[in-house]
Amino acid sequence: MGTFIDFWAQLFFRKYDYNFYEILILLCFVQRMMMLLFSVFLIFQELTHIQVEKLEGALGVPYFSWVIGQFFARKNQ
């Protein structure tokens, strides 16, 4: 999945001088942070029996997009 996302990130942000491996490391970091967030939600769900899967997705996708945007916006400053 990381390679697929990396391909599209390279395509959309081709004016930046990041190579395949730099973007792949970024994606690995972001996915690791999302898994940490999801594990916190899972512990919460198991303790309270409140279903939070939709909330995980609603927070995970914008977070993923925001981090990638911040990474590429940093180059312009």
PDB file of N, CA and C in Angstrom:
ATOM      1  N   MET A   1       0.828  -1.191   0.000  1.00  0.00           N
ATOM      2  CA  MET A   1       0.000   0.000   0.000  1.00  0.00           C
ATOM      3  C   MET A   1       0.868   1.249   0.000  1.00  0.00           C
ATOM      4  N   GLY A   2       1.976   1.207   0.741  1.00  0.00           N
ATOM      5  CA  GLY A   2       2.866   2.365   0.797  1.00  0.00           C
ATOM      6  C   GLY A   2       3.470   2.697  -0.549  1.00  0.00           C
ATOM      7  N   THR A   3       3.811   1.664  -1.303  1.00  0.00           N
ATOM      8  CA  THR A   3       4.382   1.891  -2.634  1.00  0.00           C
ATOM      9  C   THR A   3       3.356   2.522  -3.558  1.00  0.00           C
ATOM     10  N   PHE A   4       2.117   2.082  -3.475  1.00  0.00           N
ATOM     11  CA  PHE A   4       1.041   2.648  -4.289  1.00  0.00           C
ATOM     12  C   PHE A   4       0.821   4.121  -3.947  1.00  0.00           C
ATOM     13  N   ILE A   5       0.752   4.433  -2.651  1.00  0.00           N
ATOM     14  CA  ILE A   5       0.562   5.821  -2.225  1.00  0.00           C
ATOM     15  C   ILE A   5       1.777   6.654  -2.602  1.00  0.00           C
ATOM     16  N   ASP A   6       2.961   6.069  -2.471  1.00  0.00           N
ATOM     17  CA  ASP A   6       4.190   6.764  -2.839  1.00  0.00           C
ATOM     18  C   ASP A   6       4.189   7.134  -4.323  1.00  0.00           C
ATOM     19  N   PHE A   7       3.718   6.217  -5.164  1.00  0.00           N
ATOM     20  CA  PHE A   7       3.640   6.498  -6.598  1.00  0.00           C
ATOM     21  C   PHE A   7       2.754   7.708  -6.865  1.00  0.00           C
ATOM     22  N   TRP A   8       1.592   7.754  -6.232  1.00  0.00           N
ATOM     23  CA  TRP A   8       0.682   8.879  -6.462  1.00  0.00           C
ATOM     24  C   TRP A   8       1.219  10.171  -5.846  1.00  0.00           C
ATOM     25  N   ALA A   9       1.877  10.085  -4.710  1.00  0.00           N
ATOM     26  CA  ALA A   9       2.486  11.284  -4.120  1.00  0.00           C
ATOM     27  C   ALA A   9       3.585  11.812  -5.030  1.00  0.00           C
ATOM     28  N   GLN A  10       4.378  10.921  -5.618  1.00  0.00           N
ATOM     29  CA  GLN A  10       5.418  11.342  -6.572  1.00  0.00           C
ATOM     30  C   GLN A  10       4.781  12.017  -7.785  1.00  0.00           C
ATOM     31  N   LEU A  11       3.646  11.493  -8.228  1.00  0.00           N
ATOM     32  CA  LEU A  11       2.965  12.038  -9.391  1.00  0.00           C
ATOM     33  C   LEU A  11       2.381  13.413  -9.097  1.00  0.00           C
ATOM     34  N   PHE A  12       1.713  13.559  -7.962  1.00  0.00           N
ATOM     35  CA  PHE A  12       1.073  14.830  -7.624  1.00  0.00           C
ATOM     36  C   PHE A  12       2.074  15.910  -7.214  1.00  0.00           C
ATOM     37  N   PHE A  13       3.178  15.528  -6.592  1.00  0.00           N
ATOM     38  CA  PHE A  13       4.157  16.484  -6.084  1.00  0.00           C
ATOM     39  C   PHE A  13       5.478  16.358  -6.833  1.00  0.00           C
ATOM     40  N   ARG A  14       5.418  16.200  -8.127  1.00  0.00           N
ATOM     41  CA  ARG A  14       6.638  15.967  -8.912  1.00  0.00           C
ATOM     42  C   ARG A  14       7.536  17.196  -9.016  1.00  0.00           C
ATOM     43  N   LYS A  15       7.012  18.393  -8.710  1.00  0.00           N
ATOM     44  CA  LYS A  15       7.874  19.573  -8.787  1.00  0.00           C
ATOM     45  C   LYS A  15       8.844  19.663  -7.596  1.00  0.00           C
ATOM     46  N   TYR A  16       8.610  18.843  -6.572  1.00  0.00           N
ATOM     47  CA  TYR A  16       9.504  18.801  -5.423  1.00  0.00           C
ATOM     48  C   TYR A  16      10.615  17.798  -5.689  1.00  0.00           C
ATOM     49  N   ASP A  17      11.744  18.008  -5.076  1.00  0.00           N
ATOM     50  CA  ASP A  17      12.915  17.174  -5.335  1.00  0.00           C
ATOM     51  C   ASP A  17      13.089  16.037  -4.331  1.00  0.00           C
ATOM     52  N   TYR A  18      11.993  15.450  -3.899  1.00  0.00           N
ATOM     53  CA  TYR A  18      12.087  14.306  -3.002  1.00  0.00           C
ATOM     54  C   TYR A  18      12.134  13.040  -3.832  1.00  0.00           C
ATOM     55  N   ASN A  19      12.944  12.087  -3.402  1.00  0.00           N
ATOM     56  CA  ASN A  19      12.998  10.833  -4.140  1.00  0.00           C
ATOM     57  C   ASN A  19      12.029   9.818  -3.534  1.00  0.00           C
ATOM     58  N   PHE A  20      11.968   8.656  -4.147  1.00  0.00           N
ATOM     59  CA  PHE A  20      11.039   7.601  -3.757  1.00  0.00           C
ATOM     60  C   PHE A  20      11.201   7.218  -2.291  1.00  0.00           C
ATOM     61  N   TYR A  21      12.432   7.075  -1.837  1.00  0.00           N
ATOM     62  CA  TYR A  21      12.688   6.597  -0.479  1.00  0.00           C
ATOM     63  C   TYR A  21      12.341   7.635   0.578  1.00  0.00           C
ATOM     64  N   GLU A  22      12.543   8.905   0.286  1.00  0.00           N
ATOM     65  CA  GLU A  22      12.179   9.948   1.246  1.00  0.00           C
ATOM     66  C   GLU A  22      10.666   9.969   1.465  1.00  0.00           C
ATOM     67  N   ILE A  23       9.917   9.861   0.407  1.00  0.00           N
ATOM     68  CA  ILE A  23       8.464   9.855   0.540  1.00  0.00           C
ATOM     69  C   ILE A  23       8.002   8.561   1.199  1.00  0.00           C
ATOM     70  N   LEU A  24       8.654   7.451   0.898  1.00  0.00           N
ATOM     71  CA  LEU A  24       8.292   6.180   1.523  1.00  0.00           C
ATOM     72  C   LEU A  24       8.514   6.225   3.034  1.00  0.00           C
ATOM     73  N   ILE A  25       9.590   6.843   3.487  1.00  0.00           N
ATOM     74  CA  ILE A  25       9.841   6.997   4.929  1.00  0.00           C
ATOM     75  C   ILE A  25       8.768   7.872   5.555  1.00  0.00           C
ATOM     76  N   LEU A  26       8.371   8.945   4.878  1.00  0.00           N
ATOM     77  CA  LEU A  26       7.286   9.790   5.370  1.00  0.00           C
ATOM     78  C   LEU A  26       6.006   8.974   5.528  1.00  0.00           C
ATOM     79  N   LEU A  27       5.672   8.179   4.529  1.00  0.00           N
ATOM     80  CA  LEU A  27       4.451   7.387   4.580  1.00  0.00           C
ATOM     81  C   LEU A  27       4.503   6.336   5.688  1.00  0.00           C
ATOM     82  N   CYS A  28       5.651   5.742   5.891  1.00  0.00           N
ATOM     83  CA  CYS A  28       5.798   4.765   6.980  1.00  0.00           C
ATOM     84  C   CYS A  28       5.589   5.431   8.337  1.00  0.00           C
ATOM     85  N   PHE A  29       6.129   6.623   8.510  1.00  0.00           N
ATOM     86  CA  PHE A  29       5.954   7.352   9.763  1.00  0.00           C
ATOM     87  C   PHE A  29       4.491   7.692   9.992  1.00  0.00           C
ATOM     88  N   VAL A  30       3.819   8.198   8.957  1.00  0.00           N
ATOM     89  CA  VAL A  30       2.421   8.596   9.103  1.00  0.00           C
ATOM     90  C   VAL A  30       1.547   7.376   9.381  1.00  0.00           C
ATOM     91  N   GLN A  31       1.790   6.277   8.690  1.00  0.00           N
ATOM     92  CA  GLN A  31       1.002   5.075   8.935  1.00  0.00           C
ATOM     93  C   GLN A  31       1.247   4.521  10.334  1.00  0.00           C
ATOM     94  N   ARG A  32       2.466   4.639  10.824  1.00  0.00           N
ATOM     95  CA  ARG A  32       2.758   4.199  12.192  1.00  0.00           C
ATOM     96  C   ARG A  32       1.988   5.051  13.203  1.00  0.00           C
ATOM     97  N   MET A  33       1.944   6.354  12.992  1.00  0.00           N
ATOM     98  CA  MET A  33       1.206   7.226  13.899  1.00  0.00           C
ATOM     99  C   MET A  33      -0.297   6.943  13.841  1.00  0.00           C
ATOM    100  N   MET A  34      -0.800   6.640  12.642  1.00  0.00           N
ATOM    101  CA  MET A  34      -2.218   6.307  12.520  1.00  0.00           C
ATOM    102  C   MET A  34      -2.530   4.991  13.238  1.00  0.00           C
ATOM    103  N   MET A  35      -1.645   4.013  13.169  1.00  0.00           N
ATOM    104  CA  MET A  35      -1.863   2.751  13.877  1.00  0.00           C
ATOM    105  C   MET A  35      -1.857   2.971  15.389  1.00  0.00           C
ATOM    106  N   LEU A  36      -1.008   3.884  15.858  1.00  0.00           N
ATOM    107  CA  LEU A  36      -1.001   4.219  17.274  1.00  0.00           C
ATOM    108  C   LEU A  36      -2.333   4.859  17.670  1.00  0.00           C
ATOM    109  N   LEU A  37      -2.827   5.758  16.853  1.00  0.00           N
ATOM    110  CA  LEU A  37      -4.118   6.395  17.099  1.00  0.00           C
ATOM    111  C   LEU A  37      -5.236   5.358  17.088  1.00  0.00           C
ATOM    112  N   PHE A  38      -5.206   4.450  16.121  1.00  0.00           N
ATOM    113  CA  PHE A  38      -6.233   3.414  16.032  1.00  0.00           C
ATOM    114  C   PHE A  38      -6.180   2.470  17.229  1.00  0.00           C
ATOM    115  N   SER A  39      -5.000   2.199  17.743  1.00  0.00           N
ATOM    116  CA  SER A  39      -4.907   1.323  18.916  1.00  0.00           C
ATOM    117  C   SER A  39      -5.507   1.997  20.148  1.00  0.00           C
ATOM    118  N   VAL A  40      -5.348   3.306  20.257  1.00  0.00           N
ATOM    119  CA  VAL A  40      -5.970   4.029  21.367  1.00  0.00           C
ATOM    120  C   VAL A  40      -7.488   3.955  21.248  1.00  0.00           C
ATOM    121  N   PHE A  41      -8.005   4.125  20.028  1.00  0.00           N
ATOM    122  CA  PHE A  41      -9.442   3.996  19.818  1.00  0.00           C
ATOM    123  C   PHE A  41      -9.932   2.583  20.120  1.00  0.00           C
ATOM    124  N   LEU A  42      -9.140   1.589  19.756  1.00  0.00           N
ATOM    125  CA  LEU A  42      -9.535   0.201  20.009  1.00  0.00           C
ATOM    126  C   LEU A  42      -9.597  -0.092  21.508  1.00  0.00           C
ATOM    127  N   ILE A  43      -8.634   0.403  22.252  1.00  0.00           N
ATOM    128  CA  ILE A  43      -8.661   0.223  23.715  1.00  0.00           C
ATOM    129  C   ILE A  43      -9.885   0.912  24.297  1.00  0.00           C
ATOM    130  N   PHE A  44     -10.171   2.119  23.829  1.00  0.00           N
ATOM    131  CA  PHE A  44     -11.361   2.849  24.284  1.00  0.00           C
ATOM    132  C   PHE A  44     -12.628   2.057  23.970  1.00  0.00           C
ATOM    133  N   GLN A  45     -12.693   1.501  22.768  1.00  0.00           N
ATOM    134  CA  GLN A  45     -13.867   0.740  22.348  1.00  0.00           C
ATOM    135  C   GLN A  45     -14.049  -0.517  23.202  1.00  0.00           C
ATOM    136  N   GLU A  46     -12.956  -1.199  23.501  1.00  0.00           N
ATOM    137  CA  GLU A  46     -13.056  -2.407  24.306  1.00  0.00           C
ATOM    138  C   GLU A  46     -13.463  -2.104  25.751  1.00  0.00           C
ATOM    139  N   LEU A  47     -13.043  -0.968  26.266  1.00  0.00           N
ATOM    140  CA  LEU A  47     -13.381  -0.623  27.651  1.00  0.00           C
ATOM    141  C   LEU A  47     -14.803  -0.103  27.791  1.00  0.00           C
ATOM    142  N   THR A  48     -15.301   0.613  26.772  1.00  0.00           N
ATOM    143  CA  THR A  48     -16.610   1.251  26.895  1.00  0.00           C
ATOM    144  C   THR A  48     -17.695   0.581  26.065  1.00  0.00           C
ATOM    145  N   HIS A  49     -17.327  -0.285  25.141  1.00  0.00           N
ATOM    146  CA  HIS A  49     -18.272  -0.947  24.222  1.00  0.00           C
ATOM    147  C   HIS A  49     -19.034   0.052  23.355  1.00  0.00           C
ATOM    148  N   ILE A  50     -18.405   1.189  23.075  1.00  0.00           N
ATOM    149  CA  ILE A  50     -18.957   2.181  22.152  1.00  0.00           C
ATOM    150  C   ILE A  50     -18.246   1.996  20.815  1.00  0.00           C
ATOM    151  N   GLN A  51     -18.999   1.868  19.739  1.00  0.00           N
ATOM    152  CA  GLN A  51     -18.418   1.669  18.416  1.00  0.00           C
ATOM    153  C   GLN A  51     -17.820   2.979  17.907  1.00  0.00           C
ATOM    154  N   VAL A  52     -16.515   2.970  17.585  1.00  0.00           N
ATOM    155  CA  VAL A  52     -15.833   4.181  17.157  1.00  0.00           C
ATOM    156  C   VAL A  52     -15.122   4.011  15.808  1.00  0.00           C
ATOM    157  N   GLU A  53     -15.501   2.982  15.025  1.00  0.00           N
ATOM    158  CA  GLU A  53     -14.819   2.753  13.747  1.00  0.00           C
ATOM    159  C   GLU A  53     -14.990   3.923  12.792  1.00  0.00           C
ATOM    160  N   LYS A  54     -16.182   4.501  12.761  1.00  0.00           N
ATOM    161  CA  LYS A  54     -16.421   5.629  11.850  1.00  0.00           C
ATOM    162  C   LYS A  54     -15.624   6.859  12.270  1.00  0.00           C
ATOM    163  N   LEU A  55     -15.467   7.034  13.555  1.00  0.00           N
ATOM    164  CA  LEU A  55     -14.675   8.152  14.060  1.00  0.00           C
ATOM    165  C   LEU A  55     -13.205   7.972  13.724  1.00  0.00           C
ATOM    166  N   GLU A  56     -12.724   6.730  13.783  1.00  0.00           N
ATOM    167  CA  GLU A  56     -11.329   6.449  13.409  1.00  0.00           C
ATOM    168  C   GLU A  56     -11.059   6.870  11.976  1.00  0.00           C
ATOM    169  N   GLY A  57     -11.944   6.485  11.076  1.00  0.00           N
ATOM    170  CA  GLY A  57     -11.778   6.848   9.665  1.00  0.00           C
ATOM    171  C   GLY A  57     -11.932   8.335   9.438  1.00  0.00           C
ATOM    172  N   ALA A  58     -12.871   8.941  10.167  1.00  0.00           N
ATOM    173  CA  ALA A  58     -13.108  10.377  10.015  1.00  0.00           C
ATOM    174  C   ALA A  58     -11.922  11.200  10.512  1.00  0.00           C
ATOM    175  N   LEU A  59     -11.154  10.676  11.436  1.00  0.00           N
ATOM    176  CA  LEU A  59      -9.966  11.380  11.920  1.00  0.00           C
ATOM    177  C   LEU A  59      -8.695  10.938  11.205  1.00  0.00           C
ATOM    178  N   GLY A  60      -8.642   9.689  10.775  1.00  0.00           N
ATOM    179  CA  GLY A  60      -7.434   9.145  10.164  1.00  0.00           C
ATOM    180  C   GLY A  60      -7.130   9.717   8.796  1.00  0.00           C
ATOM    181  N   VAL A  61      -8.115   9.791   7.930  1.00  0.00           N
ATOM    182  CA  VAL A  61      -7.893  10.282   6.565  1.00  0.00           C
ATOM    183  C   VAL A  61      -7.504  11.760   6.554  1.00  0.00           C
ATOM    184  N   PRO A  62      -8.207  12.640   7.295  1.00  0.00           N
ATOM    185  CA  PRO A  62      -7.745  14.041   7.316  1.00  0.00           C
ATOM    186  C   PRO A  62      -6.355  14.216   7.930  1.00  0.00           C
ATOM    187  N   TYR A  63      -6.039  13.415   8.955  1.00  0.00           N
ATOM    188  CA  TYR A  63      -4.707  13.493   9.555  1.00  0.00           C
ATOM    189  C   TYR A  63      -3.639  13.111   8.536  1.00  0.00           C
ATOM    190  N   PHE A  64      -3.870  12.016   7.820  1.00  0.00           N
ATOM    191  CA  PHE A  64      -2.943  11.552   6.798  1.00  0.00           C
ATOM    192  C   PHE A  64      -2.728  12.633   5.745  1.00  0.00           C
ATOM    193  N   SER A  65      -3.813  13.242   5.289  1.00  0.00           N
ATOM    194  CA  SER A  65      -3.730  14.299   4.276  1.00  0.00           C
ATOM    195  C   SER A  65      -3.020  15.536   4.816  1.00  0.00           C
ATOM    196  N   TRP A  66      -3.303  15.894   6.065  1.00  0.00           N
ATOM    197  CA  TRP A  66      -2.698  17.085   6.663  1.00  0.00           C
ATOM    198  C   TRP A  66      -1.187  16.916   6.801  1.00  0.00           C
ATOM    199  N   VAL A  67      -0.740  15.743   7.245  1.00  0.00           N
ATOM    200  CA  VAL A  67       0.694  15.513   7.433  1.00  0.00           C
ATOM    201  C   VAL A  67       1.430  15.577   6.098  1.00  0.00           C
ATOM    202  N   ILE A  68       0.876  14.953   5.077  1.00  0.00           N
ATOM    203  CA  ILE A  68       1.517  15.007   3.764  1.00  0.00           C
ATOM    204  C   ILE A  68       1.549  16.436   3.240  1.00  0.00           C
ATOM    205  N   GLY A  69       0.463  17.174   3.432  1.00  0.00           N
ATOM    206  CA  GLY A  69       0.439  18.578   3.022  1.00  0.00           C
ATOM    207  C   GLY A  69       1.467  19.416   3.762  1.00  0.00           C
ATOM    208  N   GLN A  70       1.617  19.184   5.069  1.00  0.00           N
ATOM    209  CA  GLN A  70       2.607  19.916   5.849  1.00  0.00           C
ATOM    210  C   GLN A  70       4.024  19.590   5.399  1.00  0.00           C
ATOM    211  N   PHE A  71       4.268  18.351   5.067  1.00  0.00           N
ATOM    212  CA  PHE A  71       5.597  17.939   4.621  1.00  0.00           C
ATOM    213  C   PHE A  71       5.981  18.654   3.328  1.00  0.00           C
ATOM    214  N   PHE A  72       5.079  18.709   2.377  1.00  0.00           N
ATOM    215  CA  PHE A  72       5.401  19.345   1.102  1.00  0.00           C
ATOM    216  C   PHE A  72       5.313  20.865   1.179  1.00  0.00           C
ATOM    217  N   ALA A  73       4.505  21.413   2.073  1.00  0.00           N
ATOM    218  CA  ALA A  73       4.423  22.865   2.235  1.00  0.00           C
ATOM    219  C   ALA A  73       5.684  23.411   2.886  1.00  0.00           C
ATOM    220  N   ARG A  74       6.354  22.595   3.679  1.00  0.00           N
ATOM    221  CA  ARG A  74       7.593  22.999   4.361  1.00  0.00           C
ATOM    222  C   ARG A  74       8.663  23.387   3.351  1.00  0.00           C
ATOM    223  N   LYS A  75       8.660  22.774   2.204  1.00  0.00           N
ATOM    224  CA  LYS A  75       9.668  23.039   1.178  1.00  0.00           C
ATOM    225  C   LYS A  75       9.520  24.446   0.592  1.00  0.00           C
ATOM    226  N   ASN A  76       8.309  25.010   0.612  1.00  0.00           N
ATOM    227  CA  ASN A  76       8.073  26.327   0.029  1.00  0.00           C
ATOM    228  C   ASN A  76       8.531  27.458   0.920  1.00  0.00           C
ATOM    229  N   GLN A  77       8.698  27.233   2.203  1.00  0.00           N
ATOM    230  CA  GLN A  77       9.019  28.312   3.139  1.00  0.00           C
ATOM    231  C   GLN A  77      10.466  28.711   3.086  1.00  0.00           C
TER     232      GLN A  77
END
